[in-house]
Each structure stands twice: as structure tokens, then as C-alpha cells.
């Protein structure tokens, strides 16, 4: 017989599912699809909060992060919104009740669909807020006006080229990076909050933690999925396996195919599918034709580099190398700010970093710096980036991307 506590538990589960439900998941149909839990953390006392959700493909899931800063003049500034689920909005409303209304919402990139798609529905939840976007917005396959994409016409503005001209310029400085990709562009707004000595970035630099983030621990299935060496291995939920799964996810997400990951034959893939420990649709959706070598962790340790900030391999190889001097000049300007910590939109945050460490992260783009392991530029192991380099060569031949600029 069902007890009152059973009914309470079922009601609580139903409420949690409803609070984390994201109705427009099909616009970017990636894991965890319609269920997006939100984790709020206070990272600078009474000043800065991060809001994290998960997203990824084939259970290669990483945090996507929104940052909210309390304004000294009253109210809140939102850097790079995430999916505005009921849970997410409730957590923002709690901050509004104590610190004032959301006044500014910033779209901090022009190319990141996982950031851009959430801005219009988030802005609708806060009709008094002004929306600011980086200057060269574009969409694919058709370049549509922002109001056609759902951005509020009467309160969406382009960020001024100089930060002191922005209405929040008395508390923040920012530098805009623009890299022309031919068929589009890559843009990023690096934003410095003077009072807390905090640098906010979107995608350009990141740090990878040793342990799985708390938001990933809340949904351990992807961690345990990738902790296995083959699809036929069982799921075993231990702290060590969660850590192993997370570290492999980081390698998948940042390298696509590191040197310690090898493809297996079609026949072996089929056999693994037949013998899979999870034969549900959920299990087969993430089936991968790869096998890890015993020394796979050396790739993770080299990638992590004791938590130092670095530029993601795909950005190094496919994006930023299109205009290396423009990027280096931008990094030089950003490194003049005296920040003590960095909060990016992915992976670890906040992490301690100096302006010099930020500047050094981009030194891999200098013409004299070849991709090699162990250099002062913190370049990544050559073997692990070979897949991305070959991908770039293929895209160059197809005319999708341009050869690197020198």
C-alpha cells in the first residue's frame, strides 16, 4: 500500500521534472534534451553568482554557465543567459528580491548557438531589462535580423565599441574580439568587473578541473557511460569511475579524438552493441566506436596542466588562427586589467588566474610557436591535436574554412 511519504516523494519528483523542463529543447536538440537542471553558486560573496546547466552530444556533457553580477547602482547584470527553465528563473527571482531587478542581459558572442538561442526567451522573462549584443551577429543558413530570431526589437542594442559608453561602463570594462571567418565571424566579449577583480569570458580560455563538476554529479549517467572501456562493460557507480568518466569526457569535448583514443572495427562495434550492458534507447544513443588505450590519462594530465588557463584546441586550430595578430592584440589589452579570477562559460569556474597567465594562454598563436608539448607557451601535445589539424585541412580543401593566417 502506498504511504503518504510515497505520494510526497512522487509529487516532489514531478515538481522537479516540471521545474527543470525546457520546452524549446528541439531548437538545439542535445543532451539532456528537455530536462535541464540548474545549479546556482555564490562565487564572490554578495556580488557574483554562477548558474550552471549541462549540455552535450553522445553523453559528452560539460557545464554551460550564466553569470550574474550585482550592480553597485542597484539591480543585476546577466552575462550569457542559459535556458530559462522555471527552476532557473526562480533562482534569479530570489536574487532580484534581495538586490533589485535584472537590468542588463548580455549576449557575449556572435557564433555560439548554445548561448544565443537562450537570450530571447530569457529576455521575455525580464521585460524591463535592456539586451546588449556583440556587434557582428549572424545566423546560418540564412542571416536573419535579430528580431526575427525572437530578440525584443525595442530593447536590443549593440554593445558600444568602447566600454565607457555602455550604461554599465562605470562598473565594468570590456574588450570585443572579432575574427572574420569568411562565411561568418567569431566574436567574444571579455568583461572585467572592477570591484571584484573578476574577468568574465565566454569560450576563449578555460580550465579543466580534476574532479567532475557538481552539476555533472547531479546526473552521473554520462560520467559512468564514459568510464567504461567498451560498450559491453557494466555501469559501476563509484567515485573513481565518476572521475574517470569526467576526465574522458573532457578529452572528447576538447580534442574530439585524442591520440590515446582509437577507432575500432565496424565488426567490433556491432559486437559491442549486441553485448551492450545498457540495451535501452538511452544506452544506444551514446554508443561509440572507440577504445581507450591504457595510458589515456597522460592526455588528460597534459590538457589540464595543473588547472592553468588555456585556449581550447578547436579554437586554436580552426578559429583563432584565422587572425592570430588580432587575437594576440586583444589578449594583450585584456591582460592589462588586474583581475584575480576568471569565470568562463564552460568547464571550471571560478579559477584563480593572473593577467600574465591569460596572456600566455594565447602565445600558441605566435608564428614562432609551433604546436609542441612542454613549451613555455603551454601548447598542447602534438599527437592529441592531430585529428583537429587533419579536420582543418579537410575543411580548407572544401572551402568551408580558410587556411591559417601568418
Protein backbone atom coordinates (compact mmCIF):
# COMPACT_ATOMS: atom_id res chain seq x y z
CA UNK A 1 0.00 0.00 0.00
CA UNK A 2 1.31 3.44 -0.90
CA UNK A 3 2.07 5.70 2.08
CA UNK A 4 1.75 9.46 2.38
CA UNK A 5 5.55 9.73 2.18
CA UNK A 6 5.46 7.81 -1.12
CA UNK A 7 2.94 10.29 -2.52
CA UNK A 8 5.06 13.18 -1.26
CA UNK A 9 8.13 11.74 -2.94
CA UNK A 10 6.29 11.26 -6.24
CA UNK A 11 4.91 14.81 -6.03
CA UNK A 12 8.37 16.17 -5.32
CA UNK A 13 9.82 14.28 -8.30
CA UNK A 14 7.01 15.59 -10.52
CA UNK A 15 7.68 19.16 -9.37
CA UNK A 16 11.41 18.76 -10.03
CA UNK A 17 10.73 17.47 -13.56
CA UNK A 18 8.38 20.38 -14.23
CA UNK A 19 10.83 22.95 -12.82
CA UNK A 20 13.72 21.68 -14.96
CA UNK A 21 11.64 21.20 -18.12
CA UNK A 22 12.83 23.17 -21.18
CA UNK A 23 10.06 23.32 -23.76
CA UNK A 24 12.22 24.61 -26.64
CA UNK A 25 14.87 21.88 -26.38
CA UNK A 26 14.33 20.97 -30.07
CA UNK A 27 15.97 24.25 -31.18
CA UNK A 28 19.31 22.79 -30.04
CA UNK A 29 18.49 19.06 -29.70
CA UNK A 30 21.38 17.96 -27.50
CA UNK A 31 21.61 16.17 -24.15
CA UNK A 32 19.91 16.45 -21.68
CA UNK A 33 17.20 17.49 -24.16
CA UNK A 34 14.07 18.70 -22.34
CA UNK A 35 15.39 18.23 -18.80
CA UNK A 36 17.86 20.93 -17.71
CA UNK A 37 18.61 21.16 -14.03
CA UNK A 38 20.13 24.41 -12.79
CA UNK A 39 22.75 24.83 -10.08
CA UNK A 40 23.32 28.28 -8.57
CA UNK A 41 26.52 29.09 -6.69
CA UNK A 42 27.71 32.25 -4.98
CA UNK A 43 31.32 32.69 -6.08
CA UNK A 44 32.03 36.19 -4.78
CA UNK A 45 30.16 36.95 -1.57
CA UNK A 46 27.03 39.03 -2.13
CA UNK A 47 28.34 40.05 -5.58
CA UNK A 48 28.66 37.29 -8.22
CA UNK A 49 26.64 34.13 -8.78
CA UNK A 50 27.01 31.42 -11.41
CA UNK A 51 24.12 29.37 -12.81
CA UNK A 52 25.08 26.06 -14.43
CA UNK A 53 23.31 23.54 -16.62
CA UNK A 54 24.60 20.57 -18.62
CA UNK A 55 24.73 20.13 -22.37
CA UNK A 56 26.49 17.86 -24.84
CA UNK A 57 26.37 15.20 -27.53
CA UNK A 58 26.74 11.41 -27.12
CA UNK A 59 26.89 11.92 -23.34
CA UNK A 60 29.94 14.14 -23.76
CA UNK A 61 28.38 16.70 -21.43
CA UNK A 62 30.01 19.80 -19.97
CA UNK A 63 28.69 22.71 -17.92
CA UNK A 64 27.25 25.73 -19.69
CA UNK A 65 27.27 28.74 -17.42
CA UNK A 66 25.49 32.05 -16.90
CA UNK A 67 26.99 34.63 -14.55
CA UNK A 68 25.05 37.30 -12.68
CA UNK A 69 26.73 40.32 -11.10
CA UNK A 70 25.19 42.66 -8.56
CA UNK A 71 25.47 46.28 -9.66
CA UNK A 72 26.61 48.87 -7.13
CA UNK A 73 23.99 51.20 -8.57
CA UNK A 74 21.30 48.60 -7.87
CA UNK A 75 19.97 45.64 -9.84
CA UNK A 76 21.68 42.82 -11.71
CA UNK A 77 23.69 42.26 -14.89
CA UNK A 78 23.41 38.88 -16.67
CA UNK A 79 26.38 37.61 -18.68
CA UNK A 80 25.43 34.93 -21.26
CA UNK A 81 22.00 33.50 -20.34
CA UNK A 82 21.22 29.79 -20.11
CA UNK A 83 17.89 28.00 -20.63
CA UNK A 84 15.26 29.92 -18.61
CA UNK A 85 13.52 26.95 -17.02
CA UNK A 86 11.14 27.52 -14.13
CA UNK A 87 13.90 26.49 -11.74
CA UNK A 88 16.42 28.87 -13.31
CA UNK A 89 14.03 31.83 -13.27
CA UNK A 90 13.02 31.10 -9.67
CA UNK A 91 16.68 31.23 -8.63
CA UNK A 92 17.13 34.55 -10.45
CA UNK A 93 13.96 35.97 -8.84
CA UNK A 94 15.44 35.18 -5.43
CA UNK A 95 18.41 37.41 -6.25
CA UNK A 96 16.09 40.11 -7.60
CA UNK A 97 14.15 40.12 -4.34
CA UNK A 98 17.34 40.96 -2.45
CA UNK A 99 19.36 43.03 -4.92
CA UNK A 100 16.94 44.57 -7.41
CA UNK A 101 15.73 43.74 -10.90
CA UNK A 102 17.70 42.35 -13.81
CA UNK A 103 18.72 45.50 -15.71
CA UNK A 104 21.09 44.24 -18.41
CA UNK A 105 21.29 40.98 -20.37
CA UNK A 106 24.44 40.44 -22.42
CA UNK A 107 24.85 38.19 -25.46
CA UNK A 108 28.62 37.88 -25.38
CA UNK A 109 29.30 36.05 -28.63
CA UNK A 110 28.10 36.04 -32.23
CA UNK A 111 28.70 32.40 -33.16
CA UNK A 112 27.81 30.32 -30.11
CA UNK A 113 24.35 28.89 -30.78
CA UNK A 114 24.28 27.34 -27.30
CA UNK A 115 24.50 30.89 -25.92
CA UNK A 116 22.45 32.87 -28.46
CA UNK A 117 19.39 30.61 -28.50
CA UNK A 118 18.57 31.27 -24.84
CA UNK A 119 18.68 35.07 -24.93
CA UNK A 120 15.22 35.78 -26.45
CA UNK A 121 13.24 33.52 -24.08
CA UNK A 122 15.32 34.70 -21.12
CA UNK A 123 14.71 38.34 -22.04
CA UNK A 124 10.95 37.73 -22.19
CA UNK A 125 11.07 36.77 -18.51
CA UNK A 126 12.56 40.17 -17.65
CA UNK A 127 10.72 42.73 -19.80
CA UNK A 128 12.33 45.69 -18.02
CA UNK A 129 15.89 44.58 -18.91
CA UNK A 130 17.95 46.03 -21.76
CA UNK A 131 19.58 43.45 -24.05
CA UNK A 132 23.08 44.14 -25.39
CA UNK A 133 24.71 42.01 -28.11
CA UNK A 134 28.16 41.89 -29.71
CA UNK A 135 28.28 43.89 -32.97
CA UNK A 136 28.52 41.34 -35.79
CA UNK A 137 25.63 38.96 -35.17
CA UNK A 138 24.90 36.37 -37.85
CA UNK A 139 22.86 33.23 -38.34
CA UNK A 140 23.03 30.13 -40.54
CA UNK A 141 21.87 29.08 -43.11
CA UNK A 142 20.17 32.49 -43.53
CA UNK A 143 21.41 35.71 -41.98
CA UNK A 144 18.21 36.92 -40.31
CA UNK A 145 17.51 40.11 -38.34
CA UNK A 146 17.69 39.62 -34.59
CA UNK A 147 14.00 40.46 -34.09
CA UNK A 148 13.16 37.58 -36.45
CA UNK A 149 15.10 35.34 -34.07
CA UNK A 150 12.98 36.49 -31.13
CA UNK A 151 15.13 39.30 -29.73
CA UNK A 152 12.96 42.16 -28.41
CA UNK A 153 13.10 44.88 -31.07
CA UNK A 154 12.61 47.86 -28.77
CA UNK A 155 15.23 46.94 -26.15
CA UNK A 156 18.02 45.14 -28.02
CA UNK A 157 21.10 47.21 -28.71
CA UNK A 158 24.63 46.63 -30.00
CA UNK A 159 27.39 47.00 -27.46
CA UNK A 160 29.32 50.26 -27.95
CA UNK A 161 32.85 49.78 -29.26
CA UNK A 162 34.23 51.43 -26.11
CA UNK A 163 33.08 50.16 -22.73
CA UNK A 164 32.85 53.56 -21.05
CA UNK A 165 29.96 54.37 -23.40
CA UNK A 166 27.86 51.45 -22.10
CA UNK A 167 25.34 52.26 -19.32
CA UNK A 168 27.20 49.83 -17.04
CA UNK A 169 30.62 51.19 -18.03
CA UNK A 170 31.24 52.80 -14.65
CA UNK A 171 31.49 49.32 -13.08
CA UNK A 172 32.78 47.20 -15.98
CA UNK A 173 35.36 47.37 -18.72
CA UNK A 174 35.17 45.14 -21.75
CA UNK A 175 37.12 44.31 -24.88
CA UNK A 176 35.50 42.90 -28.02
CA UNK A 177 37.29 40.29 -30.14
CA UNK A 178 36.26 39.95 -33.79
CA UNK A 179 37.67 37.26 -36.10
CA UNK A 180 36.40 37.21 -39.69
CA UNK A 181 35.76 33.62 -40.83
CA UNK A 182 34.55 34.46 -44.34
CA UNK A 183 31.09 32.91 -44.04
CA UNK A 184 30.58 34.31 -40.58
CA UNK A 185 32.66 35.50 -37.69
CA UNK A 186 33.79 34.62 -34.20
CA UNK A 187 33.23 37.25 -31.52
CA UNK A 188 33.71 37.36 -27.80
CA UNK A 189 33.21 39.97 -25.11
CA UNK A 190 35.77 39.76 -22.30
CA UNK A 191 34.28 41.67 -19.38
CA UNK A 192 36.18 42.92 -16.31
CA UNK A 193 34.27 43.63 -13.11
CA UNK A 194 36.47 46.15 -11.32
CA UNK A 195 35.08 45.84 -7.78
CA UNK A 196 35.61 42.07 -7.52
CA UNK A 197 38.67 41.88 -9.83
CA UNK A 198 36.87 39.19 -11.87
CA UNK A 199 37.20 38.50 -15.60
CA UNK A 200 34.19 37.05 -17.43
CA UNK A 201 34.81 35.25 -20.74
CA UNK A 202 32.70 33.01 -22.94
CA UNK A 203 34.76 30.47 -24.89
CA UNK A 204 38.28 31.80 -25.42
CA UNK A 205 40.01 30.44 -22.32
CA UNK A 206 39.08 27.73 -19.88
CA UNK A 207 40.42 25.45 -17.17
CA UNK A 208 39.60 21.78 -16.69
CA UNK A 209 39.02 20.51 -13.13
CA UNK A 210 40.38 17.18 -11.94
CA UNK A 211 37.04 16.17 -10.40
CA UNK A 212 33.64 16.21 -12.13
CA UNK A 213 31.71 19.46 -11.54
CA UNK A 214 28.79 19.39 -9.14
CA UNK A 215 26.27 19.85 -11.96
CA UNK A 216 27.69 16.74 -13.68
CA UNK A 217 27.48 14.77 -10.43
CA UNK A 218 23.76 15.54 -10.30
CA UNK A 219 23.31 13.41 -13.46
CA UNK A 220 26.02 10.72 -13.23
CA UNK A 221 24.86 8.60 -16.20
CA UNK A 222 27.19 10.32 -18.72
CA UNK A 223 30.12 10.02 -16.30
CA UNK A 224 29.56 6.30 -15.80
CA UNK A 225 28.86 5.81 -19.51
CA UNK A 226 32.32 7.10 -20.46
CA UNK A 227 34.09 5.45 -17.54
CA UNK A 228 33.69 2.13 -19.38
CA UNK A 229 36.36 0.96 -21.80
CA UNK A 230 33.84 -0.75 -24.08
CA UNK A 231 30.08 -0.62 -24.53
CA UNK A 232 29.83 -4.15 -23.15
CA UNK A 233 31.34 -3.14 -19.79
CA UNK A 234 28.90 -2.74 -16.87
CA UNK A 235 27.99 0.55 -15.22
CA UNK A 236 29.62 0.74 -11.79
CA UNK A 237 28.89 3.88 -9.77
CA UNK A 238 31.99 4.73 -7.75
CA UNK A 239 33.80 7.98 -7.07
CA UNK A 240 36.77 6.73 -9.10
CA UNK A 241 34.57 5.86 -12.09
CA UNK A 242 32.84 9.24 -11.99
CA UNK A 243 36.24 10.90 -12.03
CA UNK A 244 37.45 8.68 -14.89
CA UNK A 245 34.29 9.35 -16.89
CA UNK A 246 34.62 13.09 -16.41
CA UNK A 247 38.26 13.16 -17.50
CA UNK A 248 37.46 11.20 -20.64
CA UNK A 249 34.51 13.48 -21.37
CA UNK A 250 36.89 16.45 -21.21
CA UNK A 251 39.18 14.78 -23.75
CA UNK A 252 36.26 14.01 -26.07
CA UNK A 253 34.86 17.53 -25.79
CA UNK A 254 38.14 19.36 -26.41
CA UNK A 255 40.01 17.07 -28.82
CA UNK A 256 37.20 15.03 -30.45
CA UNK A 257 39.72 12.20 -30.83
CA UNK A 258 42.90 12.40 -28.73
CA UNK A 259 45.86 10.17 -29.55
CA UNK A 260 45.00 7.75 -26.74
CA UNK A 261 41.58 7.06 -28.29
CA UNK A 262 41.49 4.72 -31.27
CA UNK A 263 38.68 3.71 -33.56
CA UNK A 264 37.66 0.05 -33.61
CA UNK A 265 36.37 -2.01 -36.49
CA UNK A 266 32.77 -2.00 -37.63
CA UNK A 267 32.51 -5.66 -36.70
CA UNK A 268 33.70 -4.98 -33.15
CA UNK A 269 31.31 -2.06 -32.87
CA UNK A 270 28.40 -4.32 -33.85
CA UNK A 271 29.51 -6.97 -31.36
CA UNK A 272 29.74 -4.34 -28.62
CA UNK A 273 26.23 -3.14 -29.50
CA UNK A 274 24.89 -6.69 -29.19
CA UNK A 275 26.66 -7.17 -25.86
CA UNK A 276 26.00 -3.66 -24.52
CA UNK A 277 25.38 -3.51 -20.78
CA UNK A 278 22.65 -0.91 -21.33
CA UNK A 279 20.45 -2.06 -24.22
CA UNK A 280 17.91 0.71 -23.80
CA UNK A 281 17.49 3.51 -26.34
CA UNK A 282 19.29 5.75 -23.86
CA UNK A 283 22.30 3.46 -23.93
CA UNK A 284 22.43 3.07 -27.72
CA UNK A 285 22.14 6.83 -28.29
CA UNK A 286 25.65 7.20 -26.91
CA UNK A 287 27.26 4.08 -28.39
CA UNK A 288 30.74 4.95 -29.59
CA UNK A 289 33.13 3.03 -31.90
CA UNK A 290 36.23 3.79 -29.82
CA UNK A 291 38.60 2.06 -27.43
CA UNK A 292 40.80 3.78 -24.87
CA UNK A 293 44.48 2.95 -24.54
CA UNK A 294 45.88 2.20 -21.08
CA UNK A 295 47.84 5.46 -20.96
CA UNK A 296 44.82 7.67 -21.80
CA UNK A 297 45.24 9.68 -18.59
CA UNK A 298 48.51 11.20 -19.79
CA UNK A 299 46.44 13.11 -22.35
CA UNK A 300 44.16 14.44 -19.63
CA UNK A 301 47.05 15.44 -17.36
CA UNK A 302 48.71 17.33 -20.23
CA UNK A 303 45.40 19.01 -21.08
CA UNK A 304 44.69 20.02 -17.51
CA UNK A 305 48.19 21.35 -16.84
CA UNK A 306 47.53 21.84 -13.11
CA UNK A 307 44.48 23.96 -13.82
CA UNK A 308 46.21 26.62 -15.91
CA UNK A 309 44.05 28.62 -18.35
CA UNK A 310 44.38 27.53 -21.97
CA UNK A 311 42.71 28.00 -25.33
CA UNK A 312 40.55 25.08 -26.44
CA UNK A 313 42.22 23.08 -29.27
CA UNK A 314 39.35 23.62 -31.72
CA UNK A 315 39.59 27.39 -31.22
CA UNK A 316 43.38 27.32 -31.59
CA UNK A 317 43.25 25.33 -34.80
CA UNK A 318 40.03 26.23 -36.61
CA UNK A 319 39.07 29.72 -35.46
CA UNK A 320 41.68 31.93 -33.84
CA UNK A 321 44.46 31.02 -36.26
CA UNK A 322 42.48 32.89 -38.95
CA UNK A 323 43.59 36.23 -37.45
CA UNK A 324 46.32 35.47 -34.89
CA UNK A 325 47.63 39.02 -34.55
CA UNK A 326 44.15 40.41 -33.91
CA UNK A 327 43.68 37.80 -31.17
CA UNK A 328 47.10 38.49 -29.63
CA UNK A 329 46.42 42.23 -29.56
CA UNK A 330 43.05 41.61 -27.90
CA UNK A 331 44.65 39.31 -25.30
CA UNK A 332 47.27 41.96 -24.61
CA UNK A 333 44.58 44.57 -23.94
CA UNK A 334 42.64 42.21 -21.67
CA UNK A 335 45.79 41.31 -19.72
CA UNK A 336 46.20 44.96 -18.68
CA UNK A 337 43.31 44.55 -16.25
CA UNK A 338 44.31 43.47 -12.77
CA UNK A 339 41.95 40.50 -12.38
CA UNK A 340 42.46 37.70 -9.88
CA UNK A 341 40.00 35.10 -11.14
CA UNK A 342 38.32 34.05 -14.38
CA UNK A 343 34.76 32.81 -14.91
CA UNK A 344 34.27 31.24 -18.36
CA UNK A 345 31.01 29.82 -19.70
CA UNK A 346 32.29 26.23 -19.74
CA UNK A 347 34.25 23.75 -17.60
CA UNK A 348 35.76 25.07 -14.34
CA UNK A 349 34.77 28.34 -12.65
CA UNK A 350 35.87 30.38 -10.96
CA UNK A 351 39.57 29.64 -11.19
CA UNK A 352 42.45 31.77 -9.99
CA UNK A 353 44.49 33.31 -12.80
CA UNK A 354 46.78 36.27 -13.33
CA UNK A 355 46.76 38.60 -16.32
CA UNK A 356 50.12 37.13 -17.35
CA UNK A 357 48.68 33.60 -17.35
CA UNK A 358 45.81 34.80 -19.52
CA UNK A 359 48.22 36.41 -21.99
CA UNK A 360 50.44 33.31 -22.06
CA UNK A 361 47.45 31.12 -22.97
CA UNK A 362 47.34 32.83 -26.38
CA UNK A 363 51.07 32.67 -27.11
CA UNK A 364 50.44 29.44 -29.07
CA UNK A 365 49.18 31.71 -31.84
CA UNK A 366 52.54 33.41 -32.29
CA UNK A 367 54.20 32.45 -35.60
CA UNK A 368 57.32 31.32 -33.75
CA UNK A 369 55.36 28.95 -31.53
CA UNK A 370 54.82 25.57 -33.16
CA UNK A 371 52.36 23.20 -31.52
CA UNK A 372 54.51 21.19 -29.18
CA UNK A 373 54.28 19.75 -25.70
CA UNK A 374 56.14 21.28 -22.81
CA UNK A 375 56.87 24.73 -24.21
CA UNK A 376 56.55 27.88 -22.14
CA UNK A 377 53.52 28.76 -24.24
CA UNK A 378 51.61 25.85 -22.69
CA UNK A 379 50.94 24.39 -26.13
CA UNK A 380 49.09 21.09 -26.21
CA UNK A 381 50.61 17.70 -27.16
CA UNK A 382 51.07 17.47 -30.91
CA UNK A 383 49.76 13.90 -31.09
CA UNK A 384 46.47 14.79 -29.44
CA UNK A 385 45.68 17.68 -31.79
CA UNK A 386 46.39 15.74 -34.98
CA UNK A 387 42.74 14.86 -35.54
CA UNK A 388 41.72 18.54 -35.39
CA UNK A 389 44.62 19.56 -37.65
CA UNK A 390 43.55 16.98 -40.26
CA UNK A 391 39.95 18.16 -39.90
CA UNK A 392 41.09 21.72 -40.59
CA UNK A 393 42.98 20.60 -43.69
CA UNK A 394 39.87 18.85 -44.99
CA UNK A 395 37.67 21.89 -44.32
CA UNK A 396 40.23 24.14 -46.04
CA UNK A 397 40.17 21.94 -49.15
CA UNK A 398 36.36 22.03 -49.20
CA UNK A 399 36.39 25.81 -48.89
CA UNK A 400 34.47 25.72 -45.61
CA UNK A 401 37.35 27.40 -43.75
CA UNK A 402 40.36 29.42 -44.79
CA UNK A 403 43.98 28.35 -44.33
CA UNK A 404 45.61 29.77 -41.16
CA UNK A 405 46.88 33.31 -41.43
CA UNK A 406 50.53 34.03 -40.65
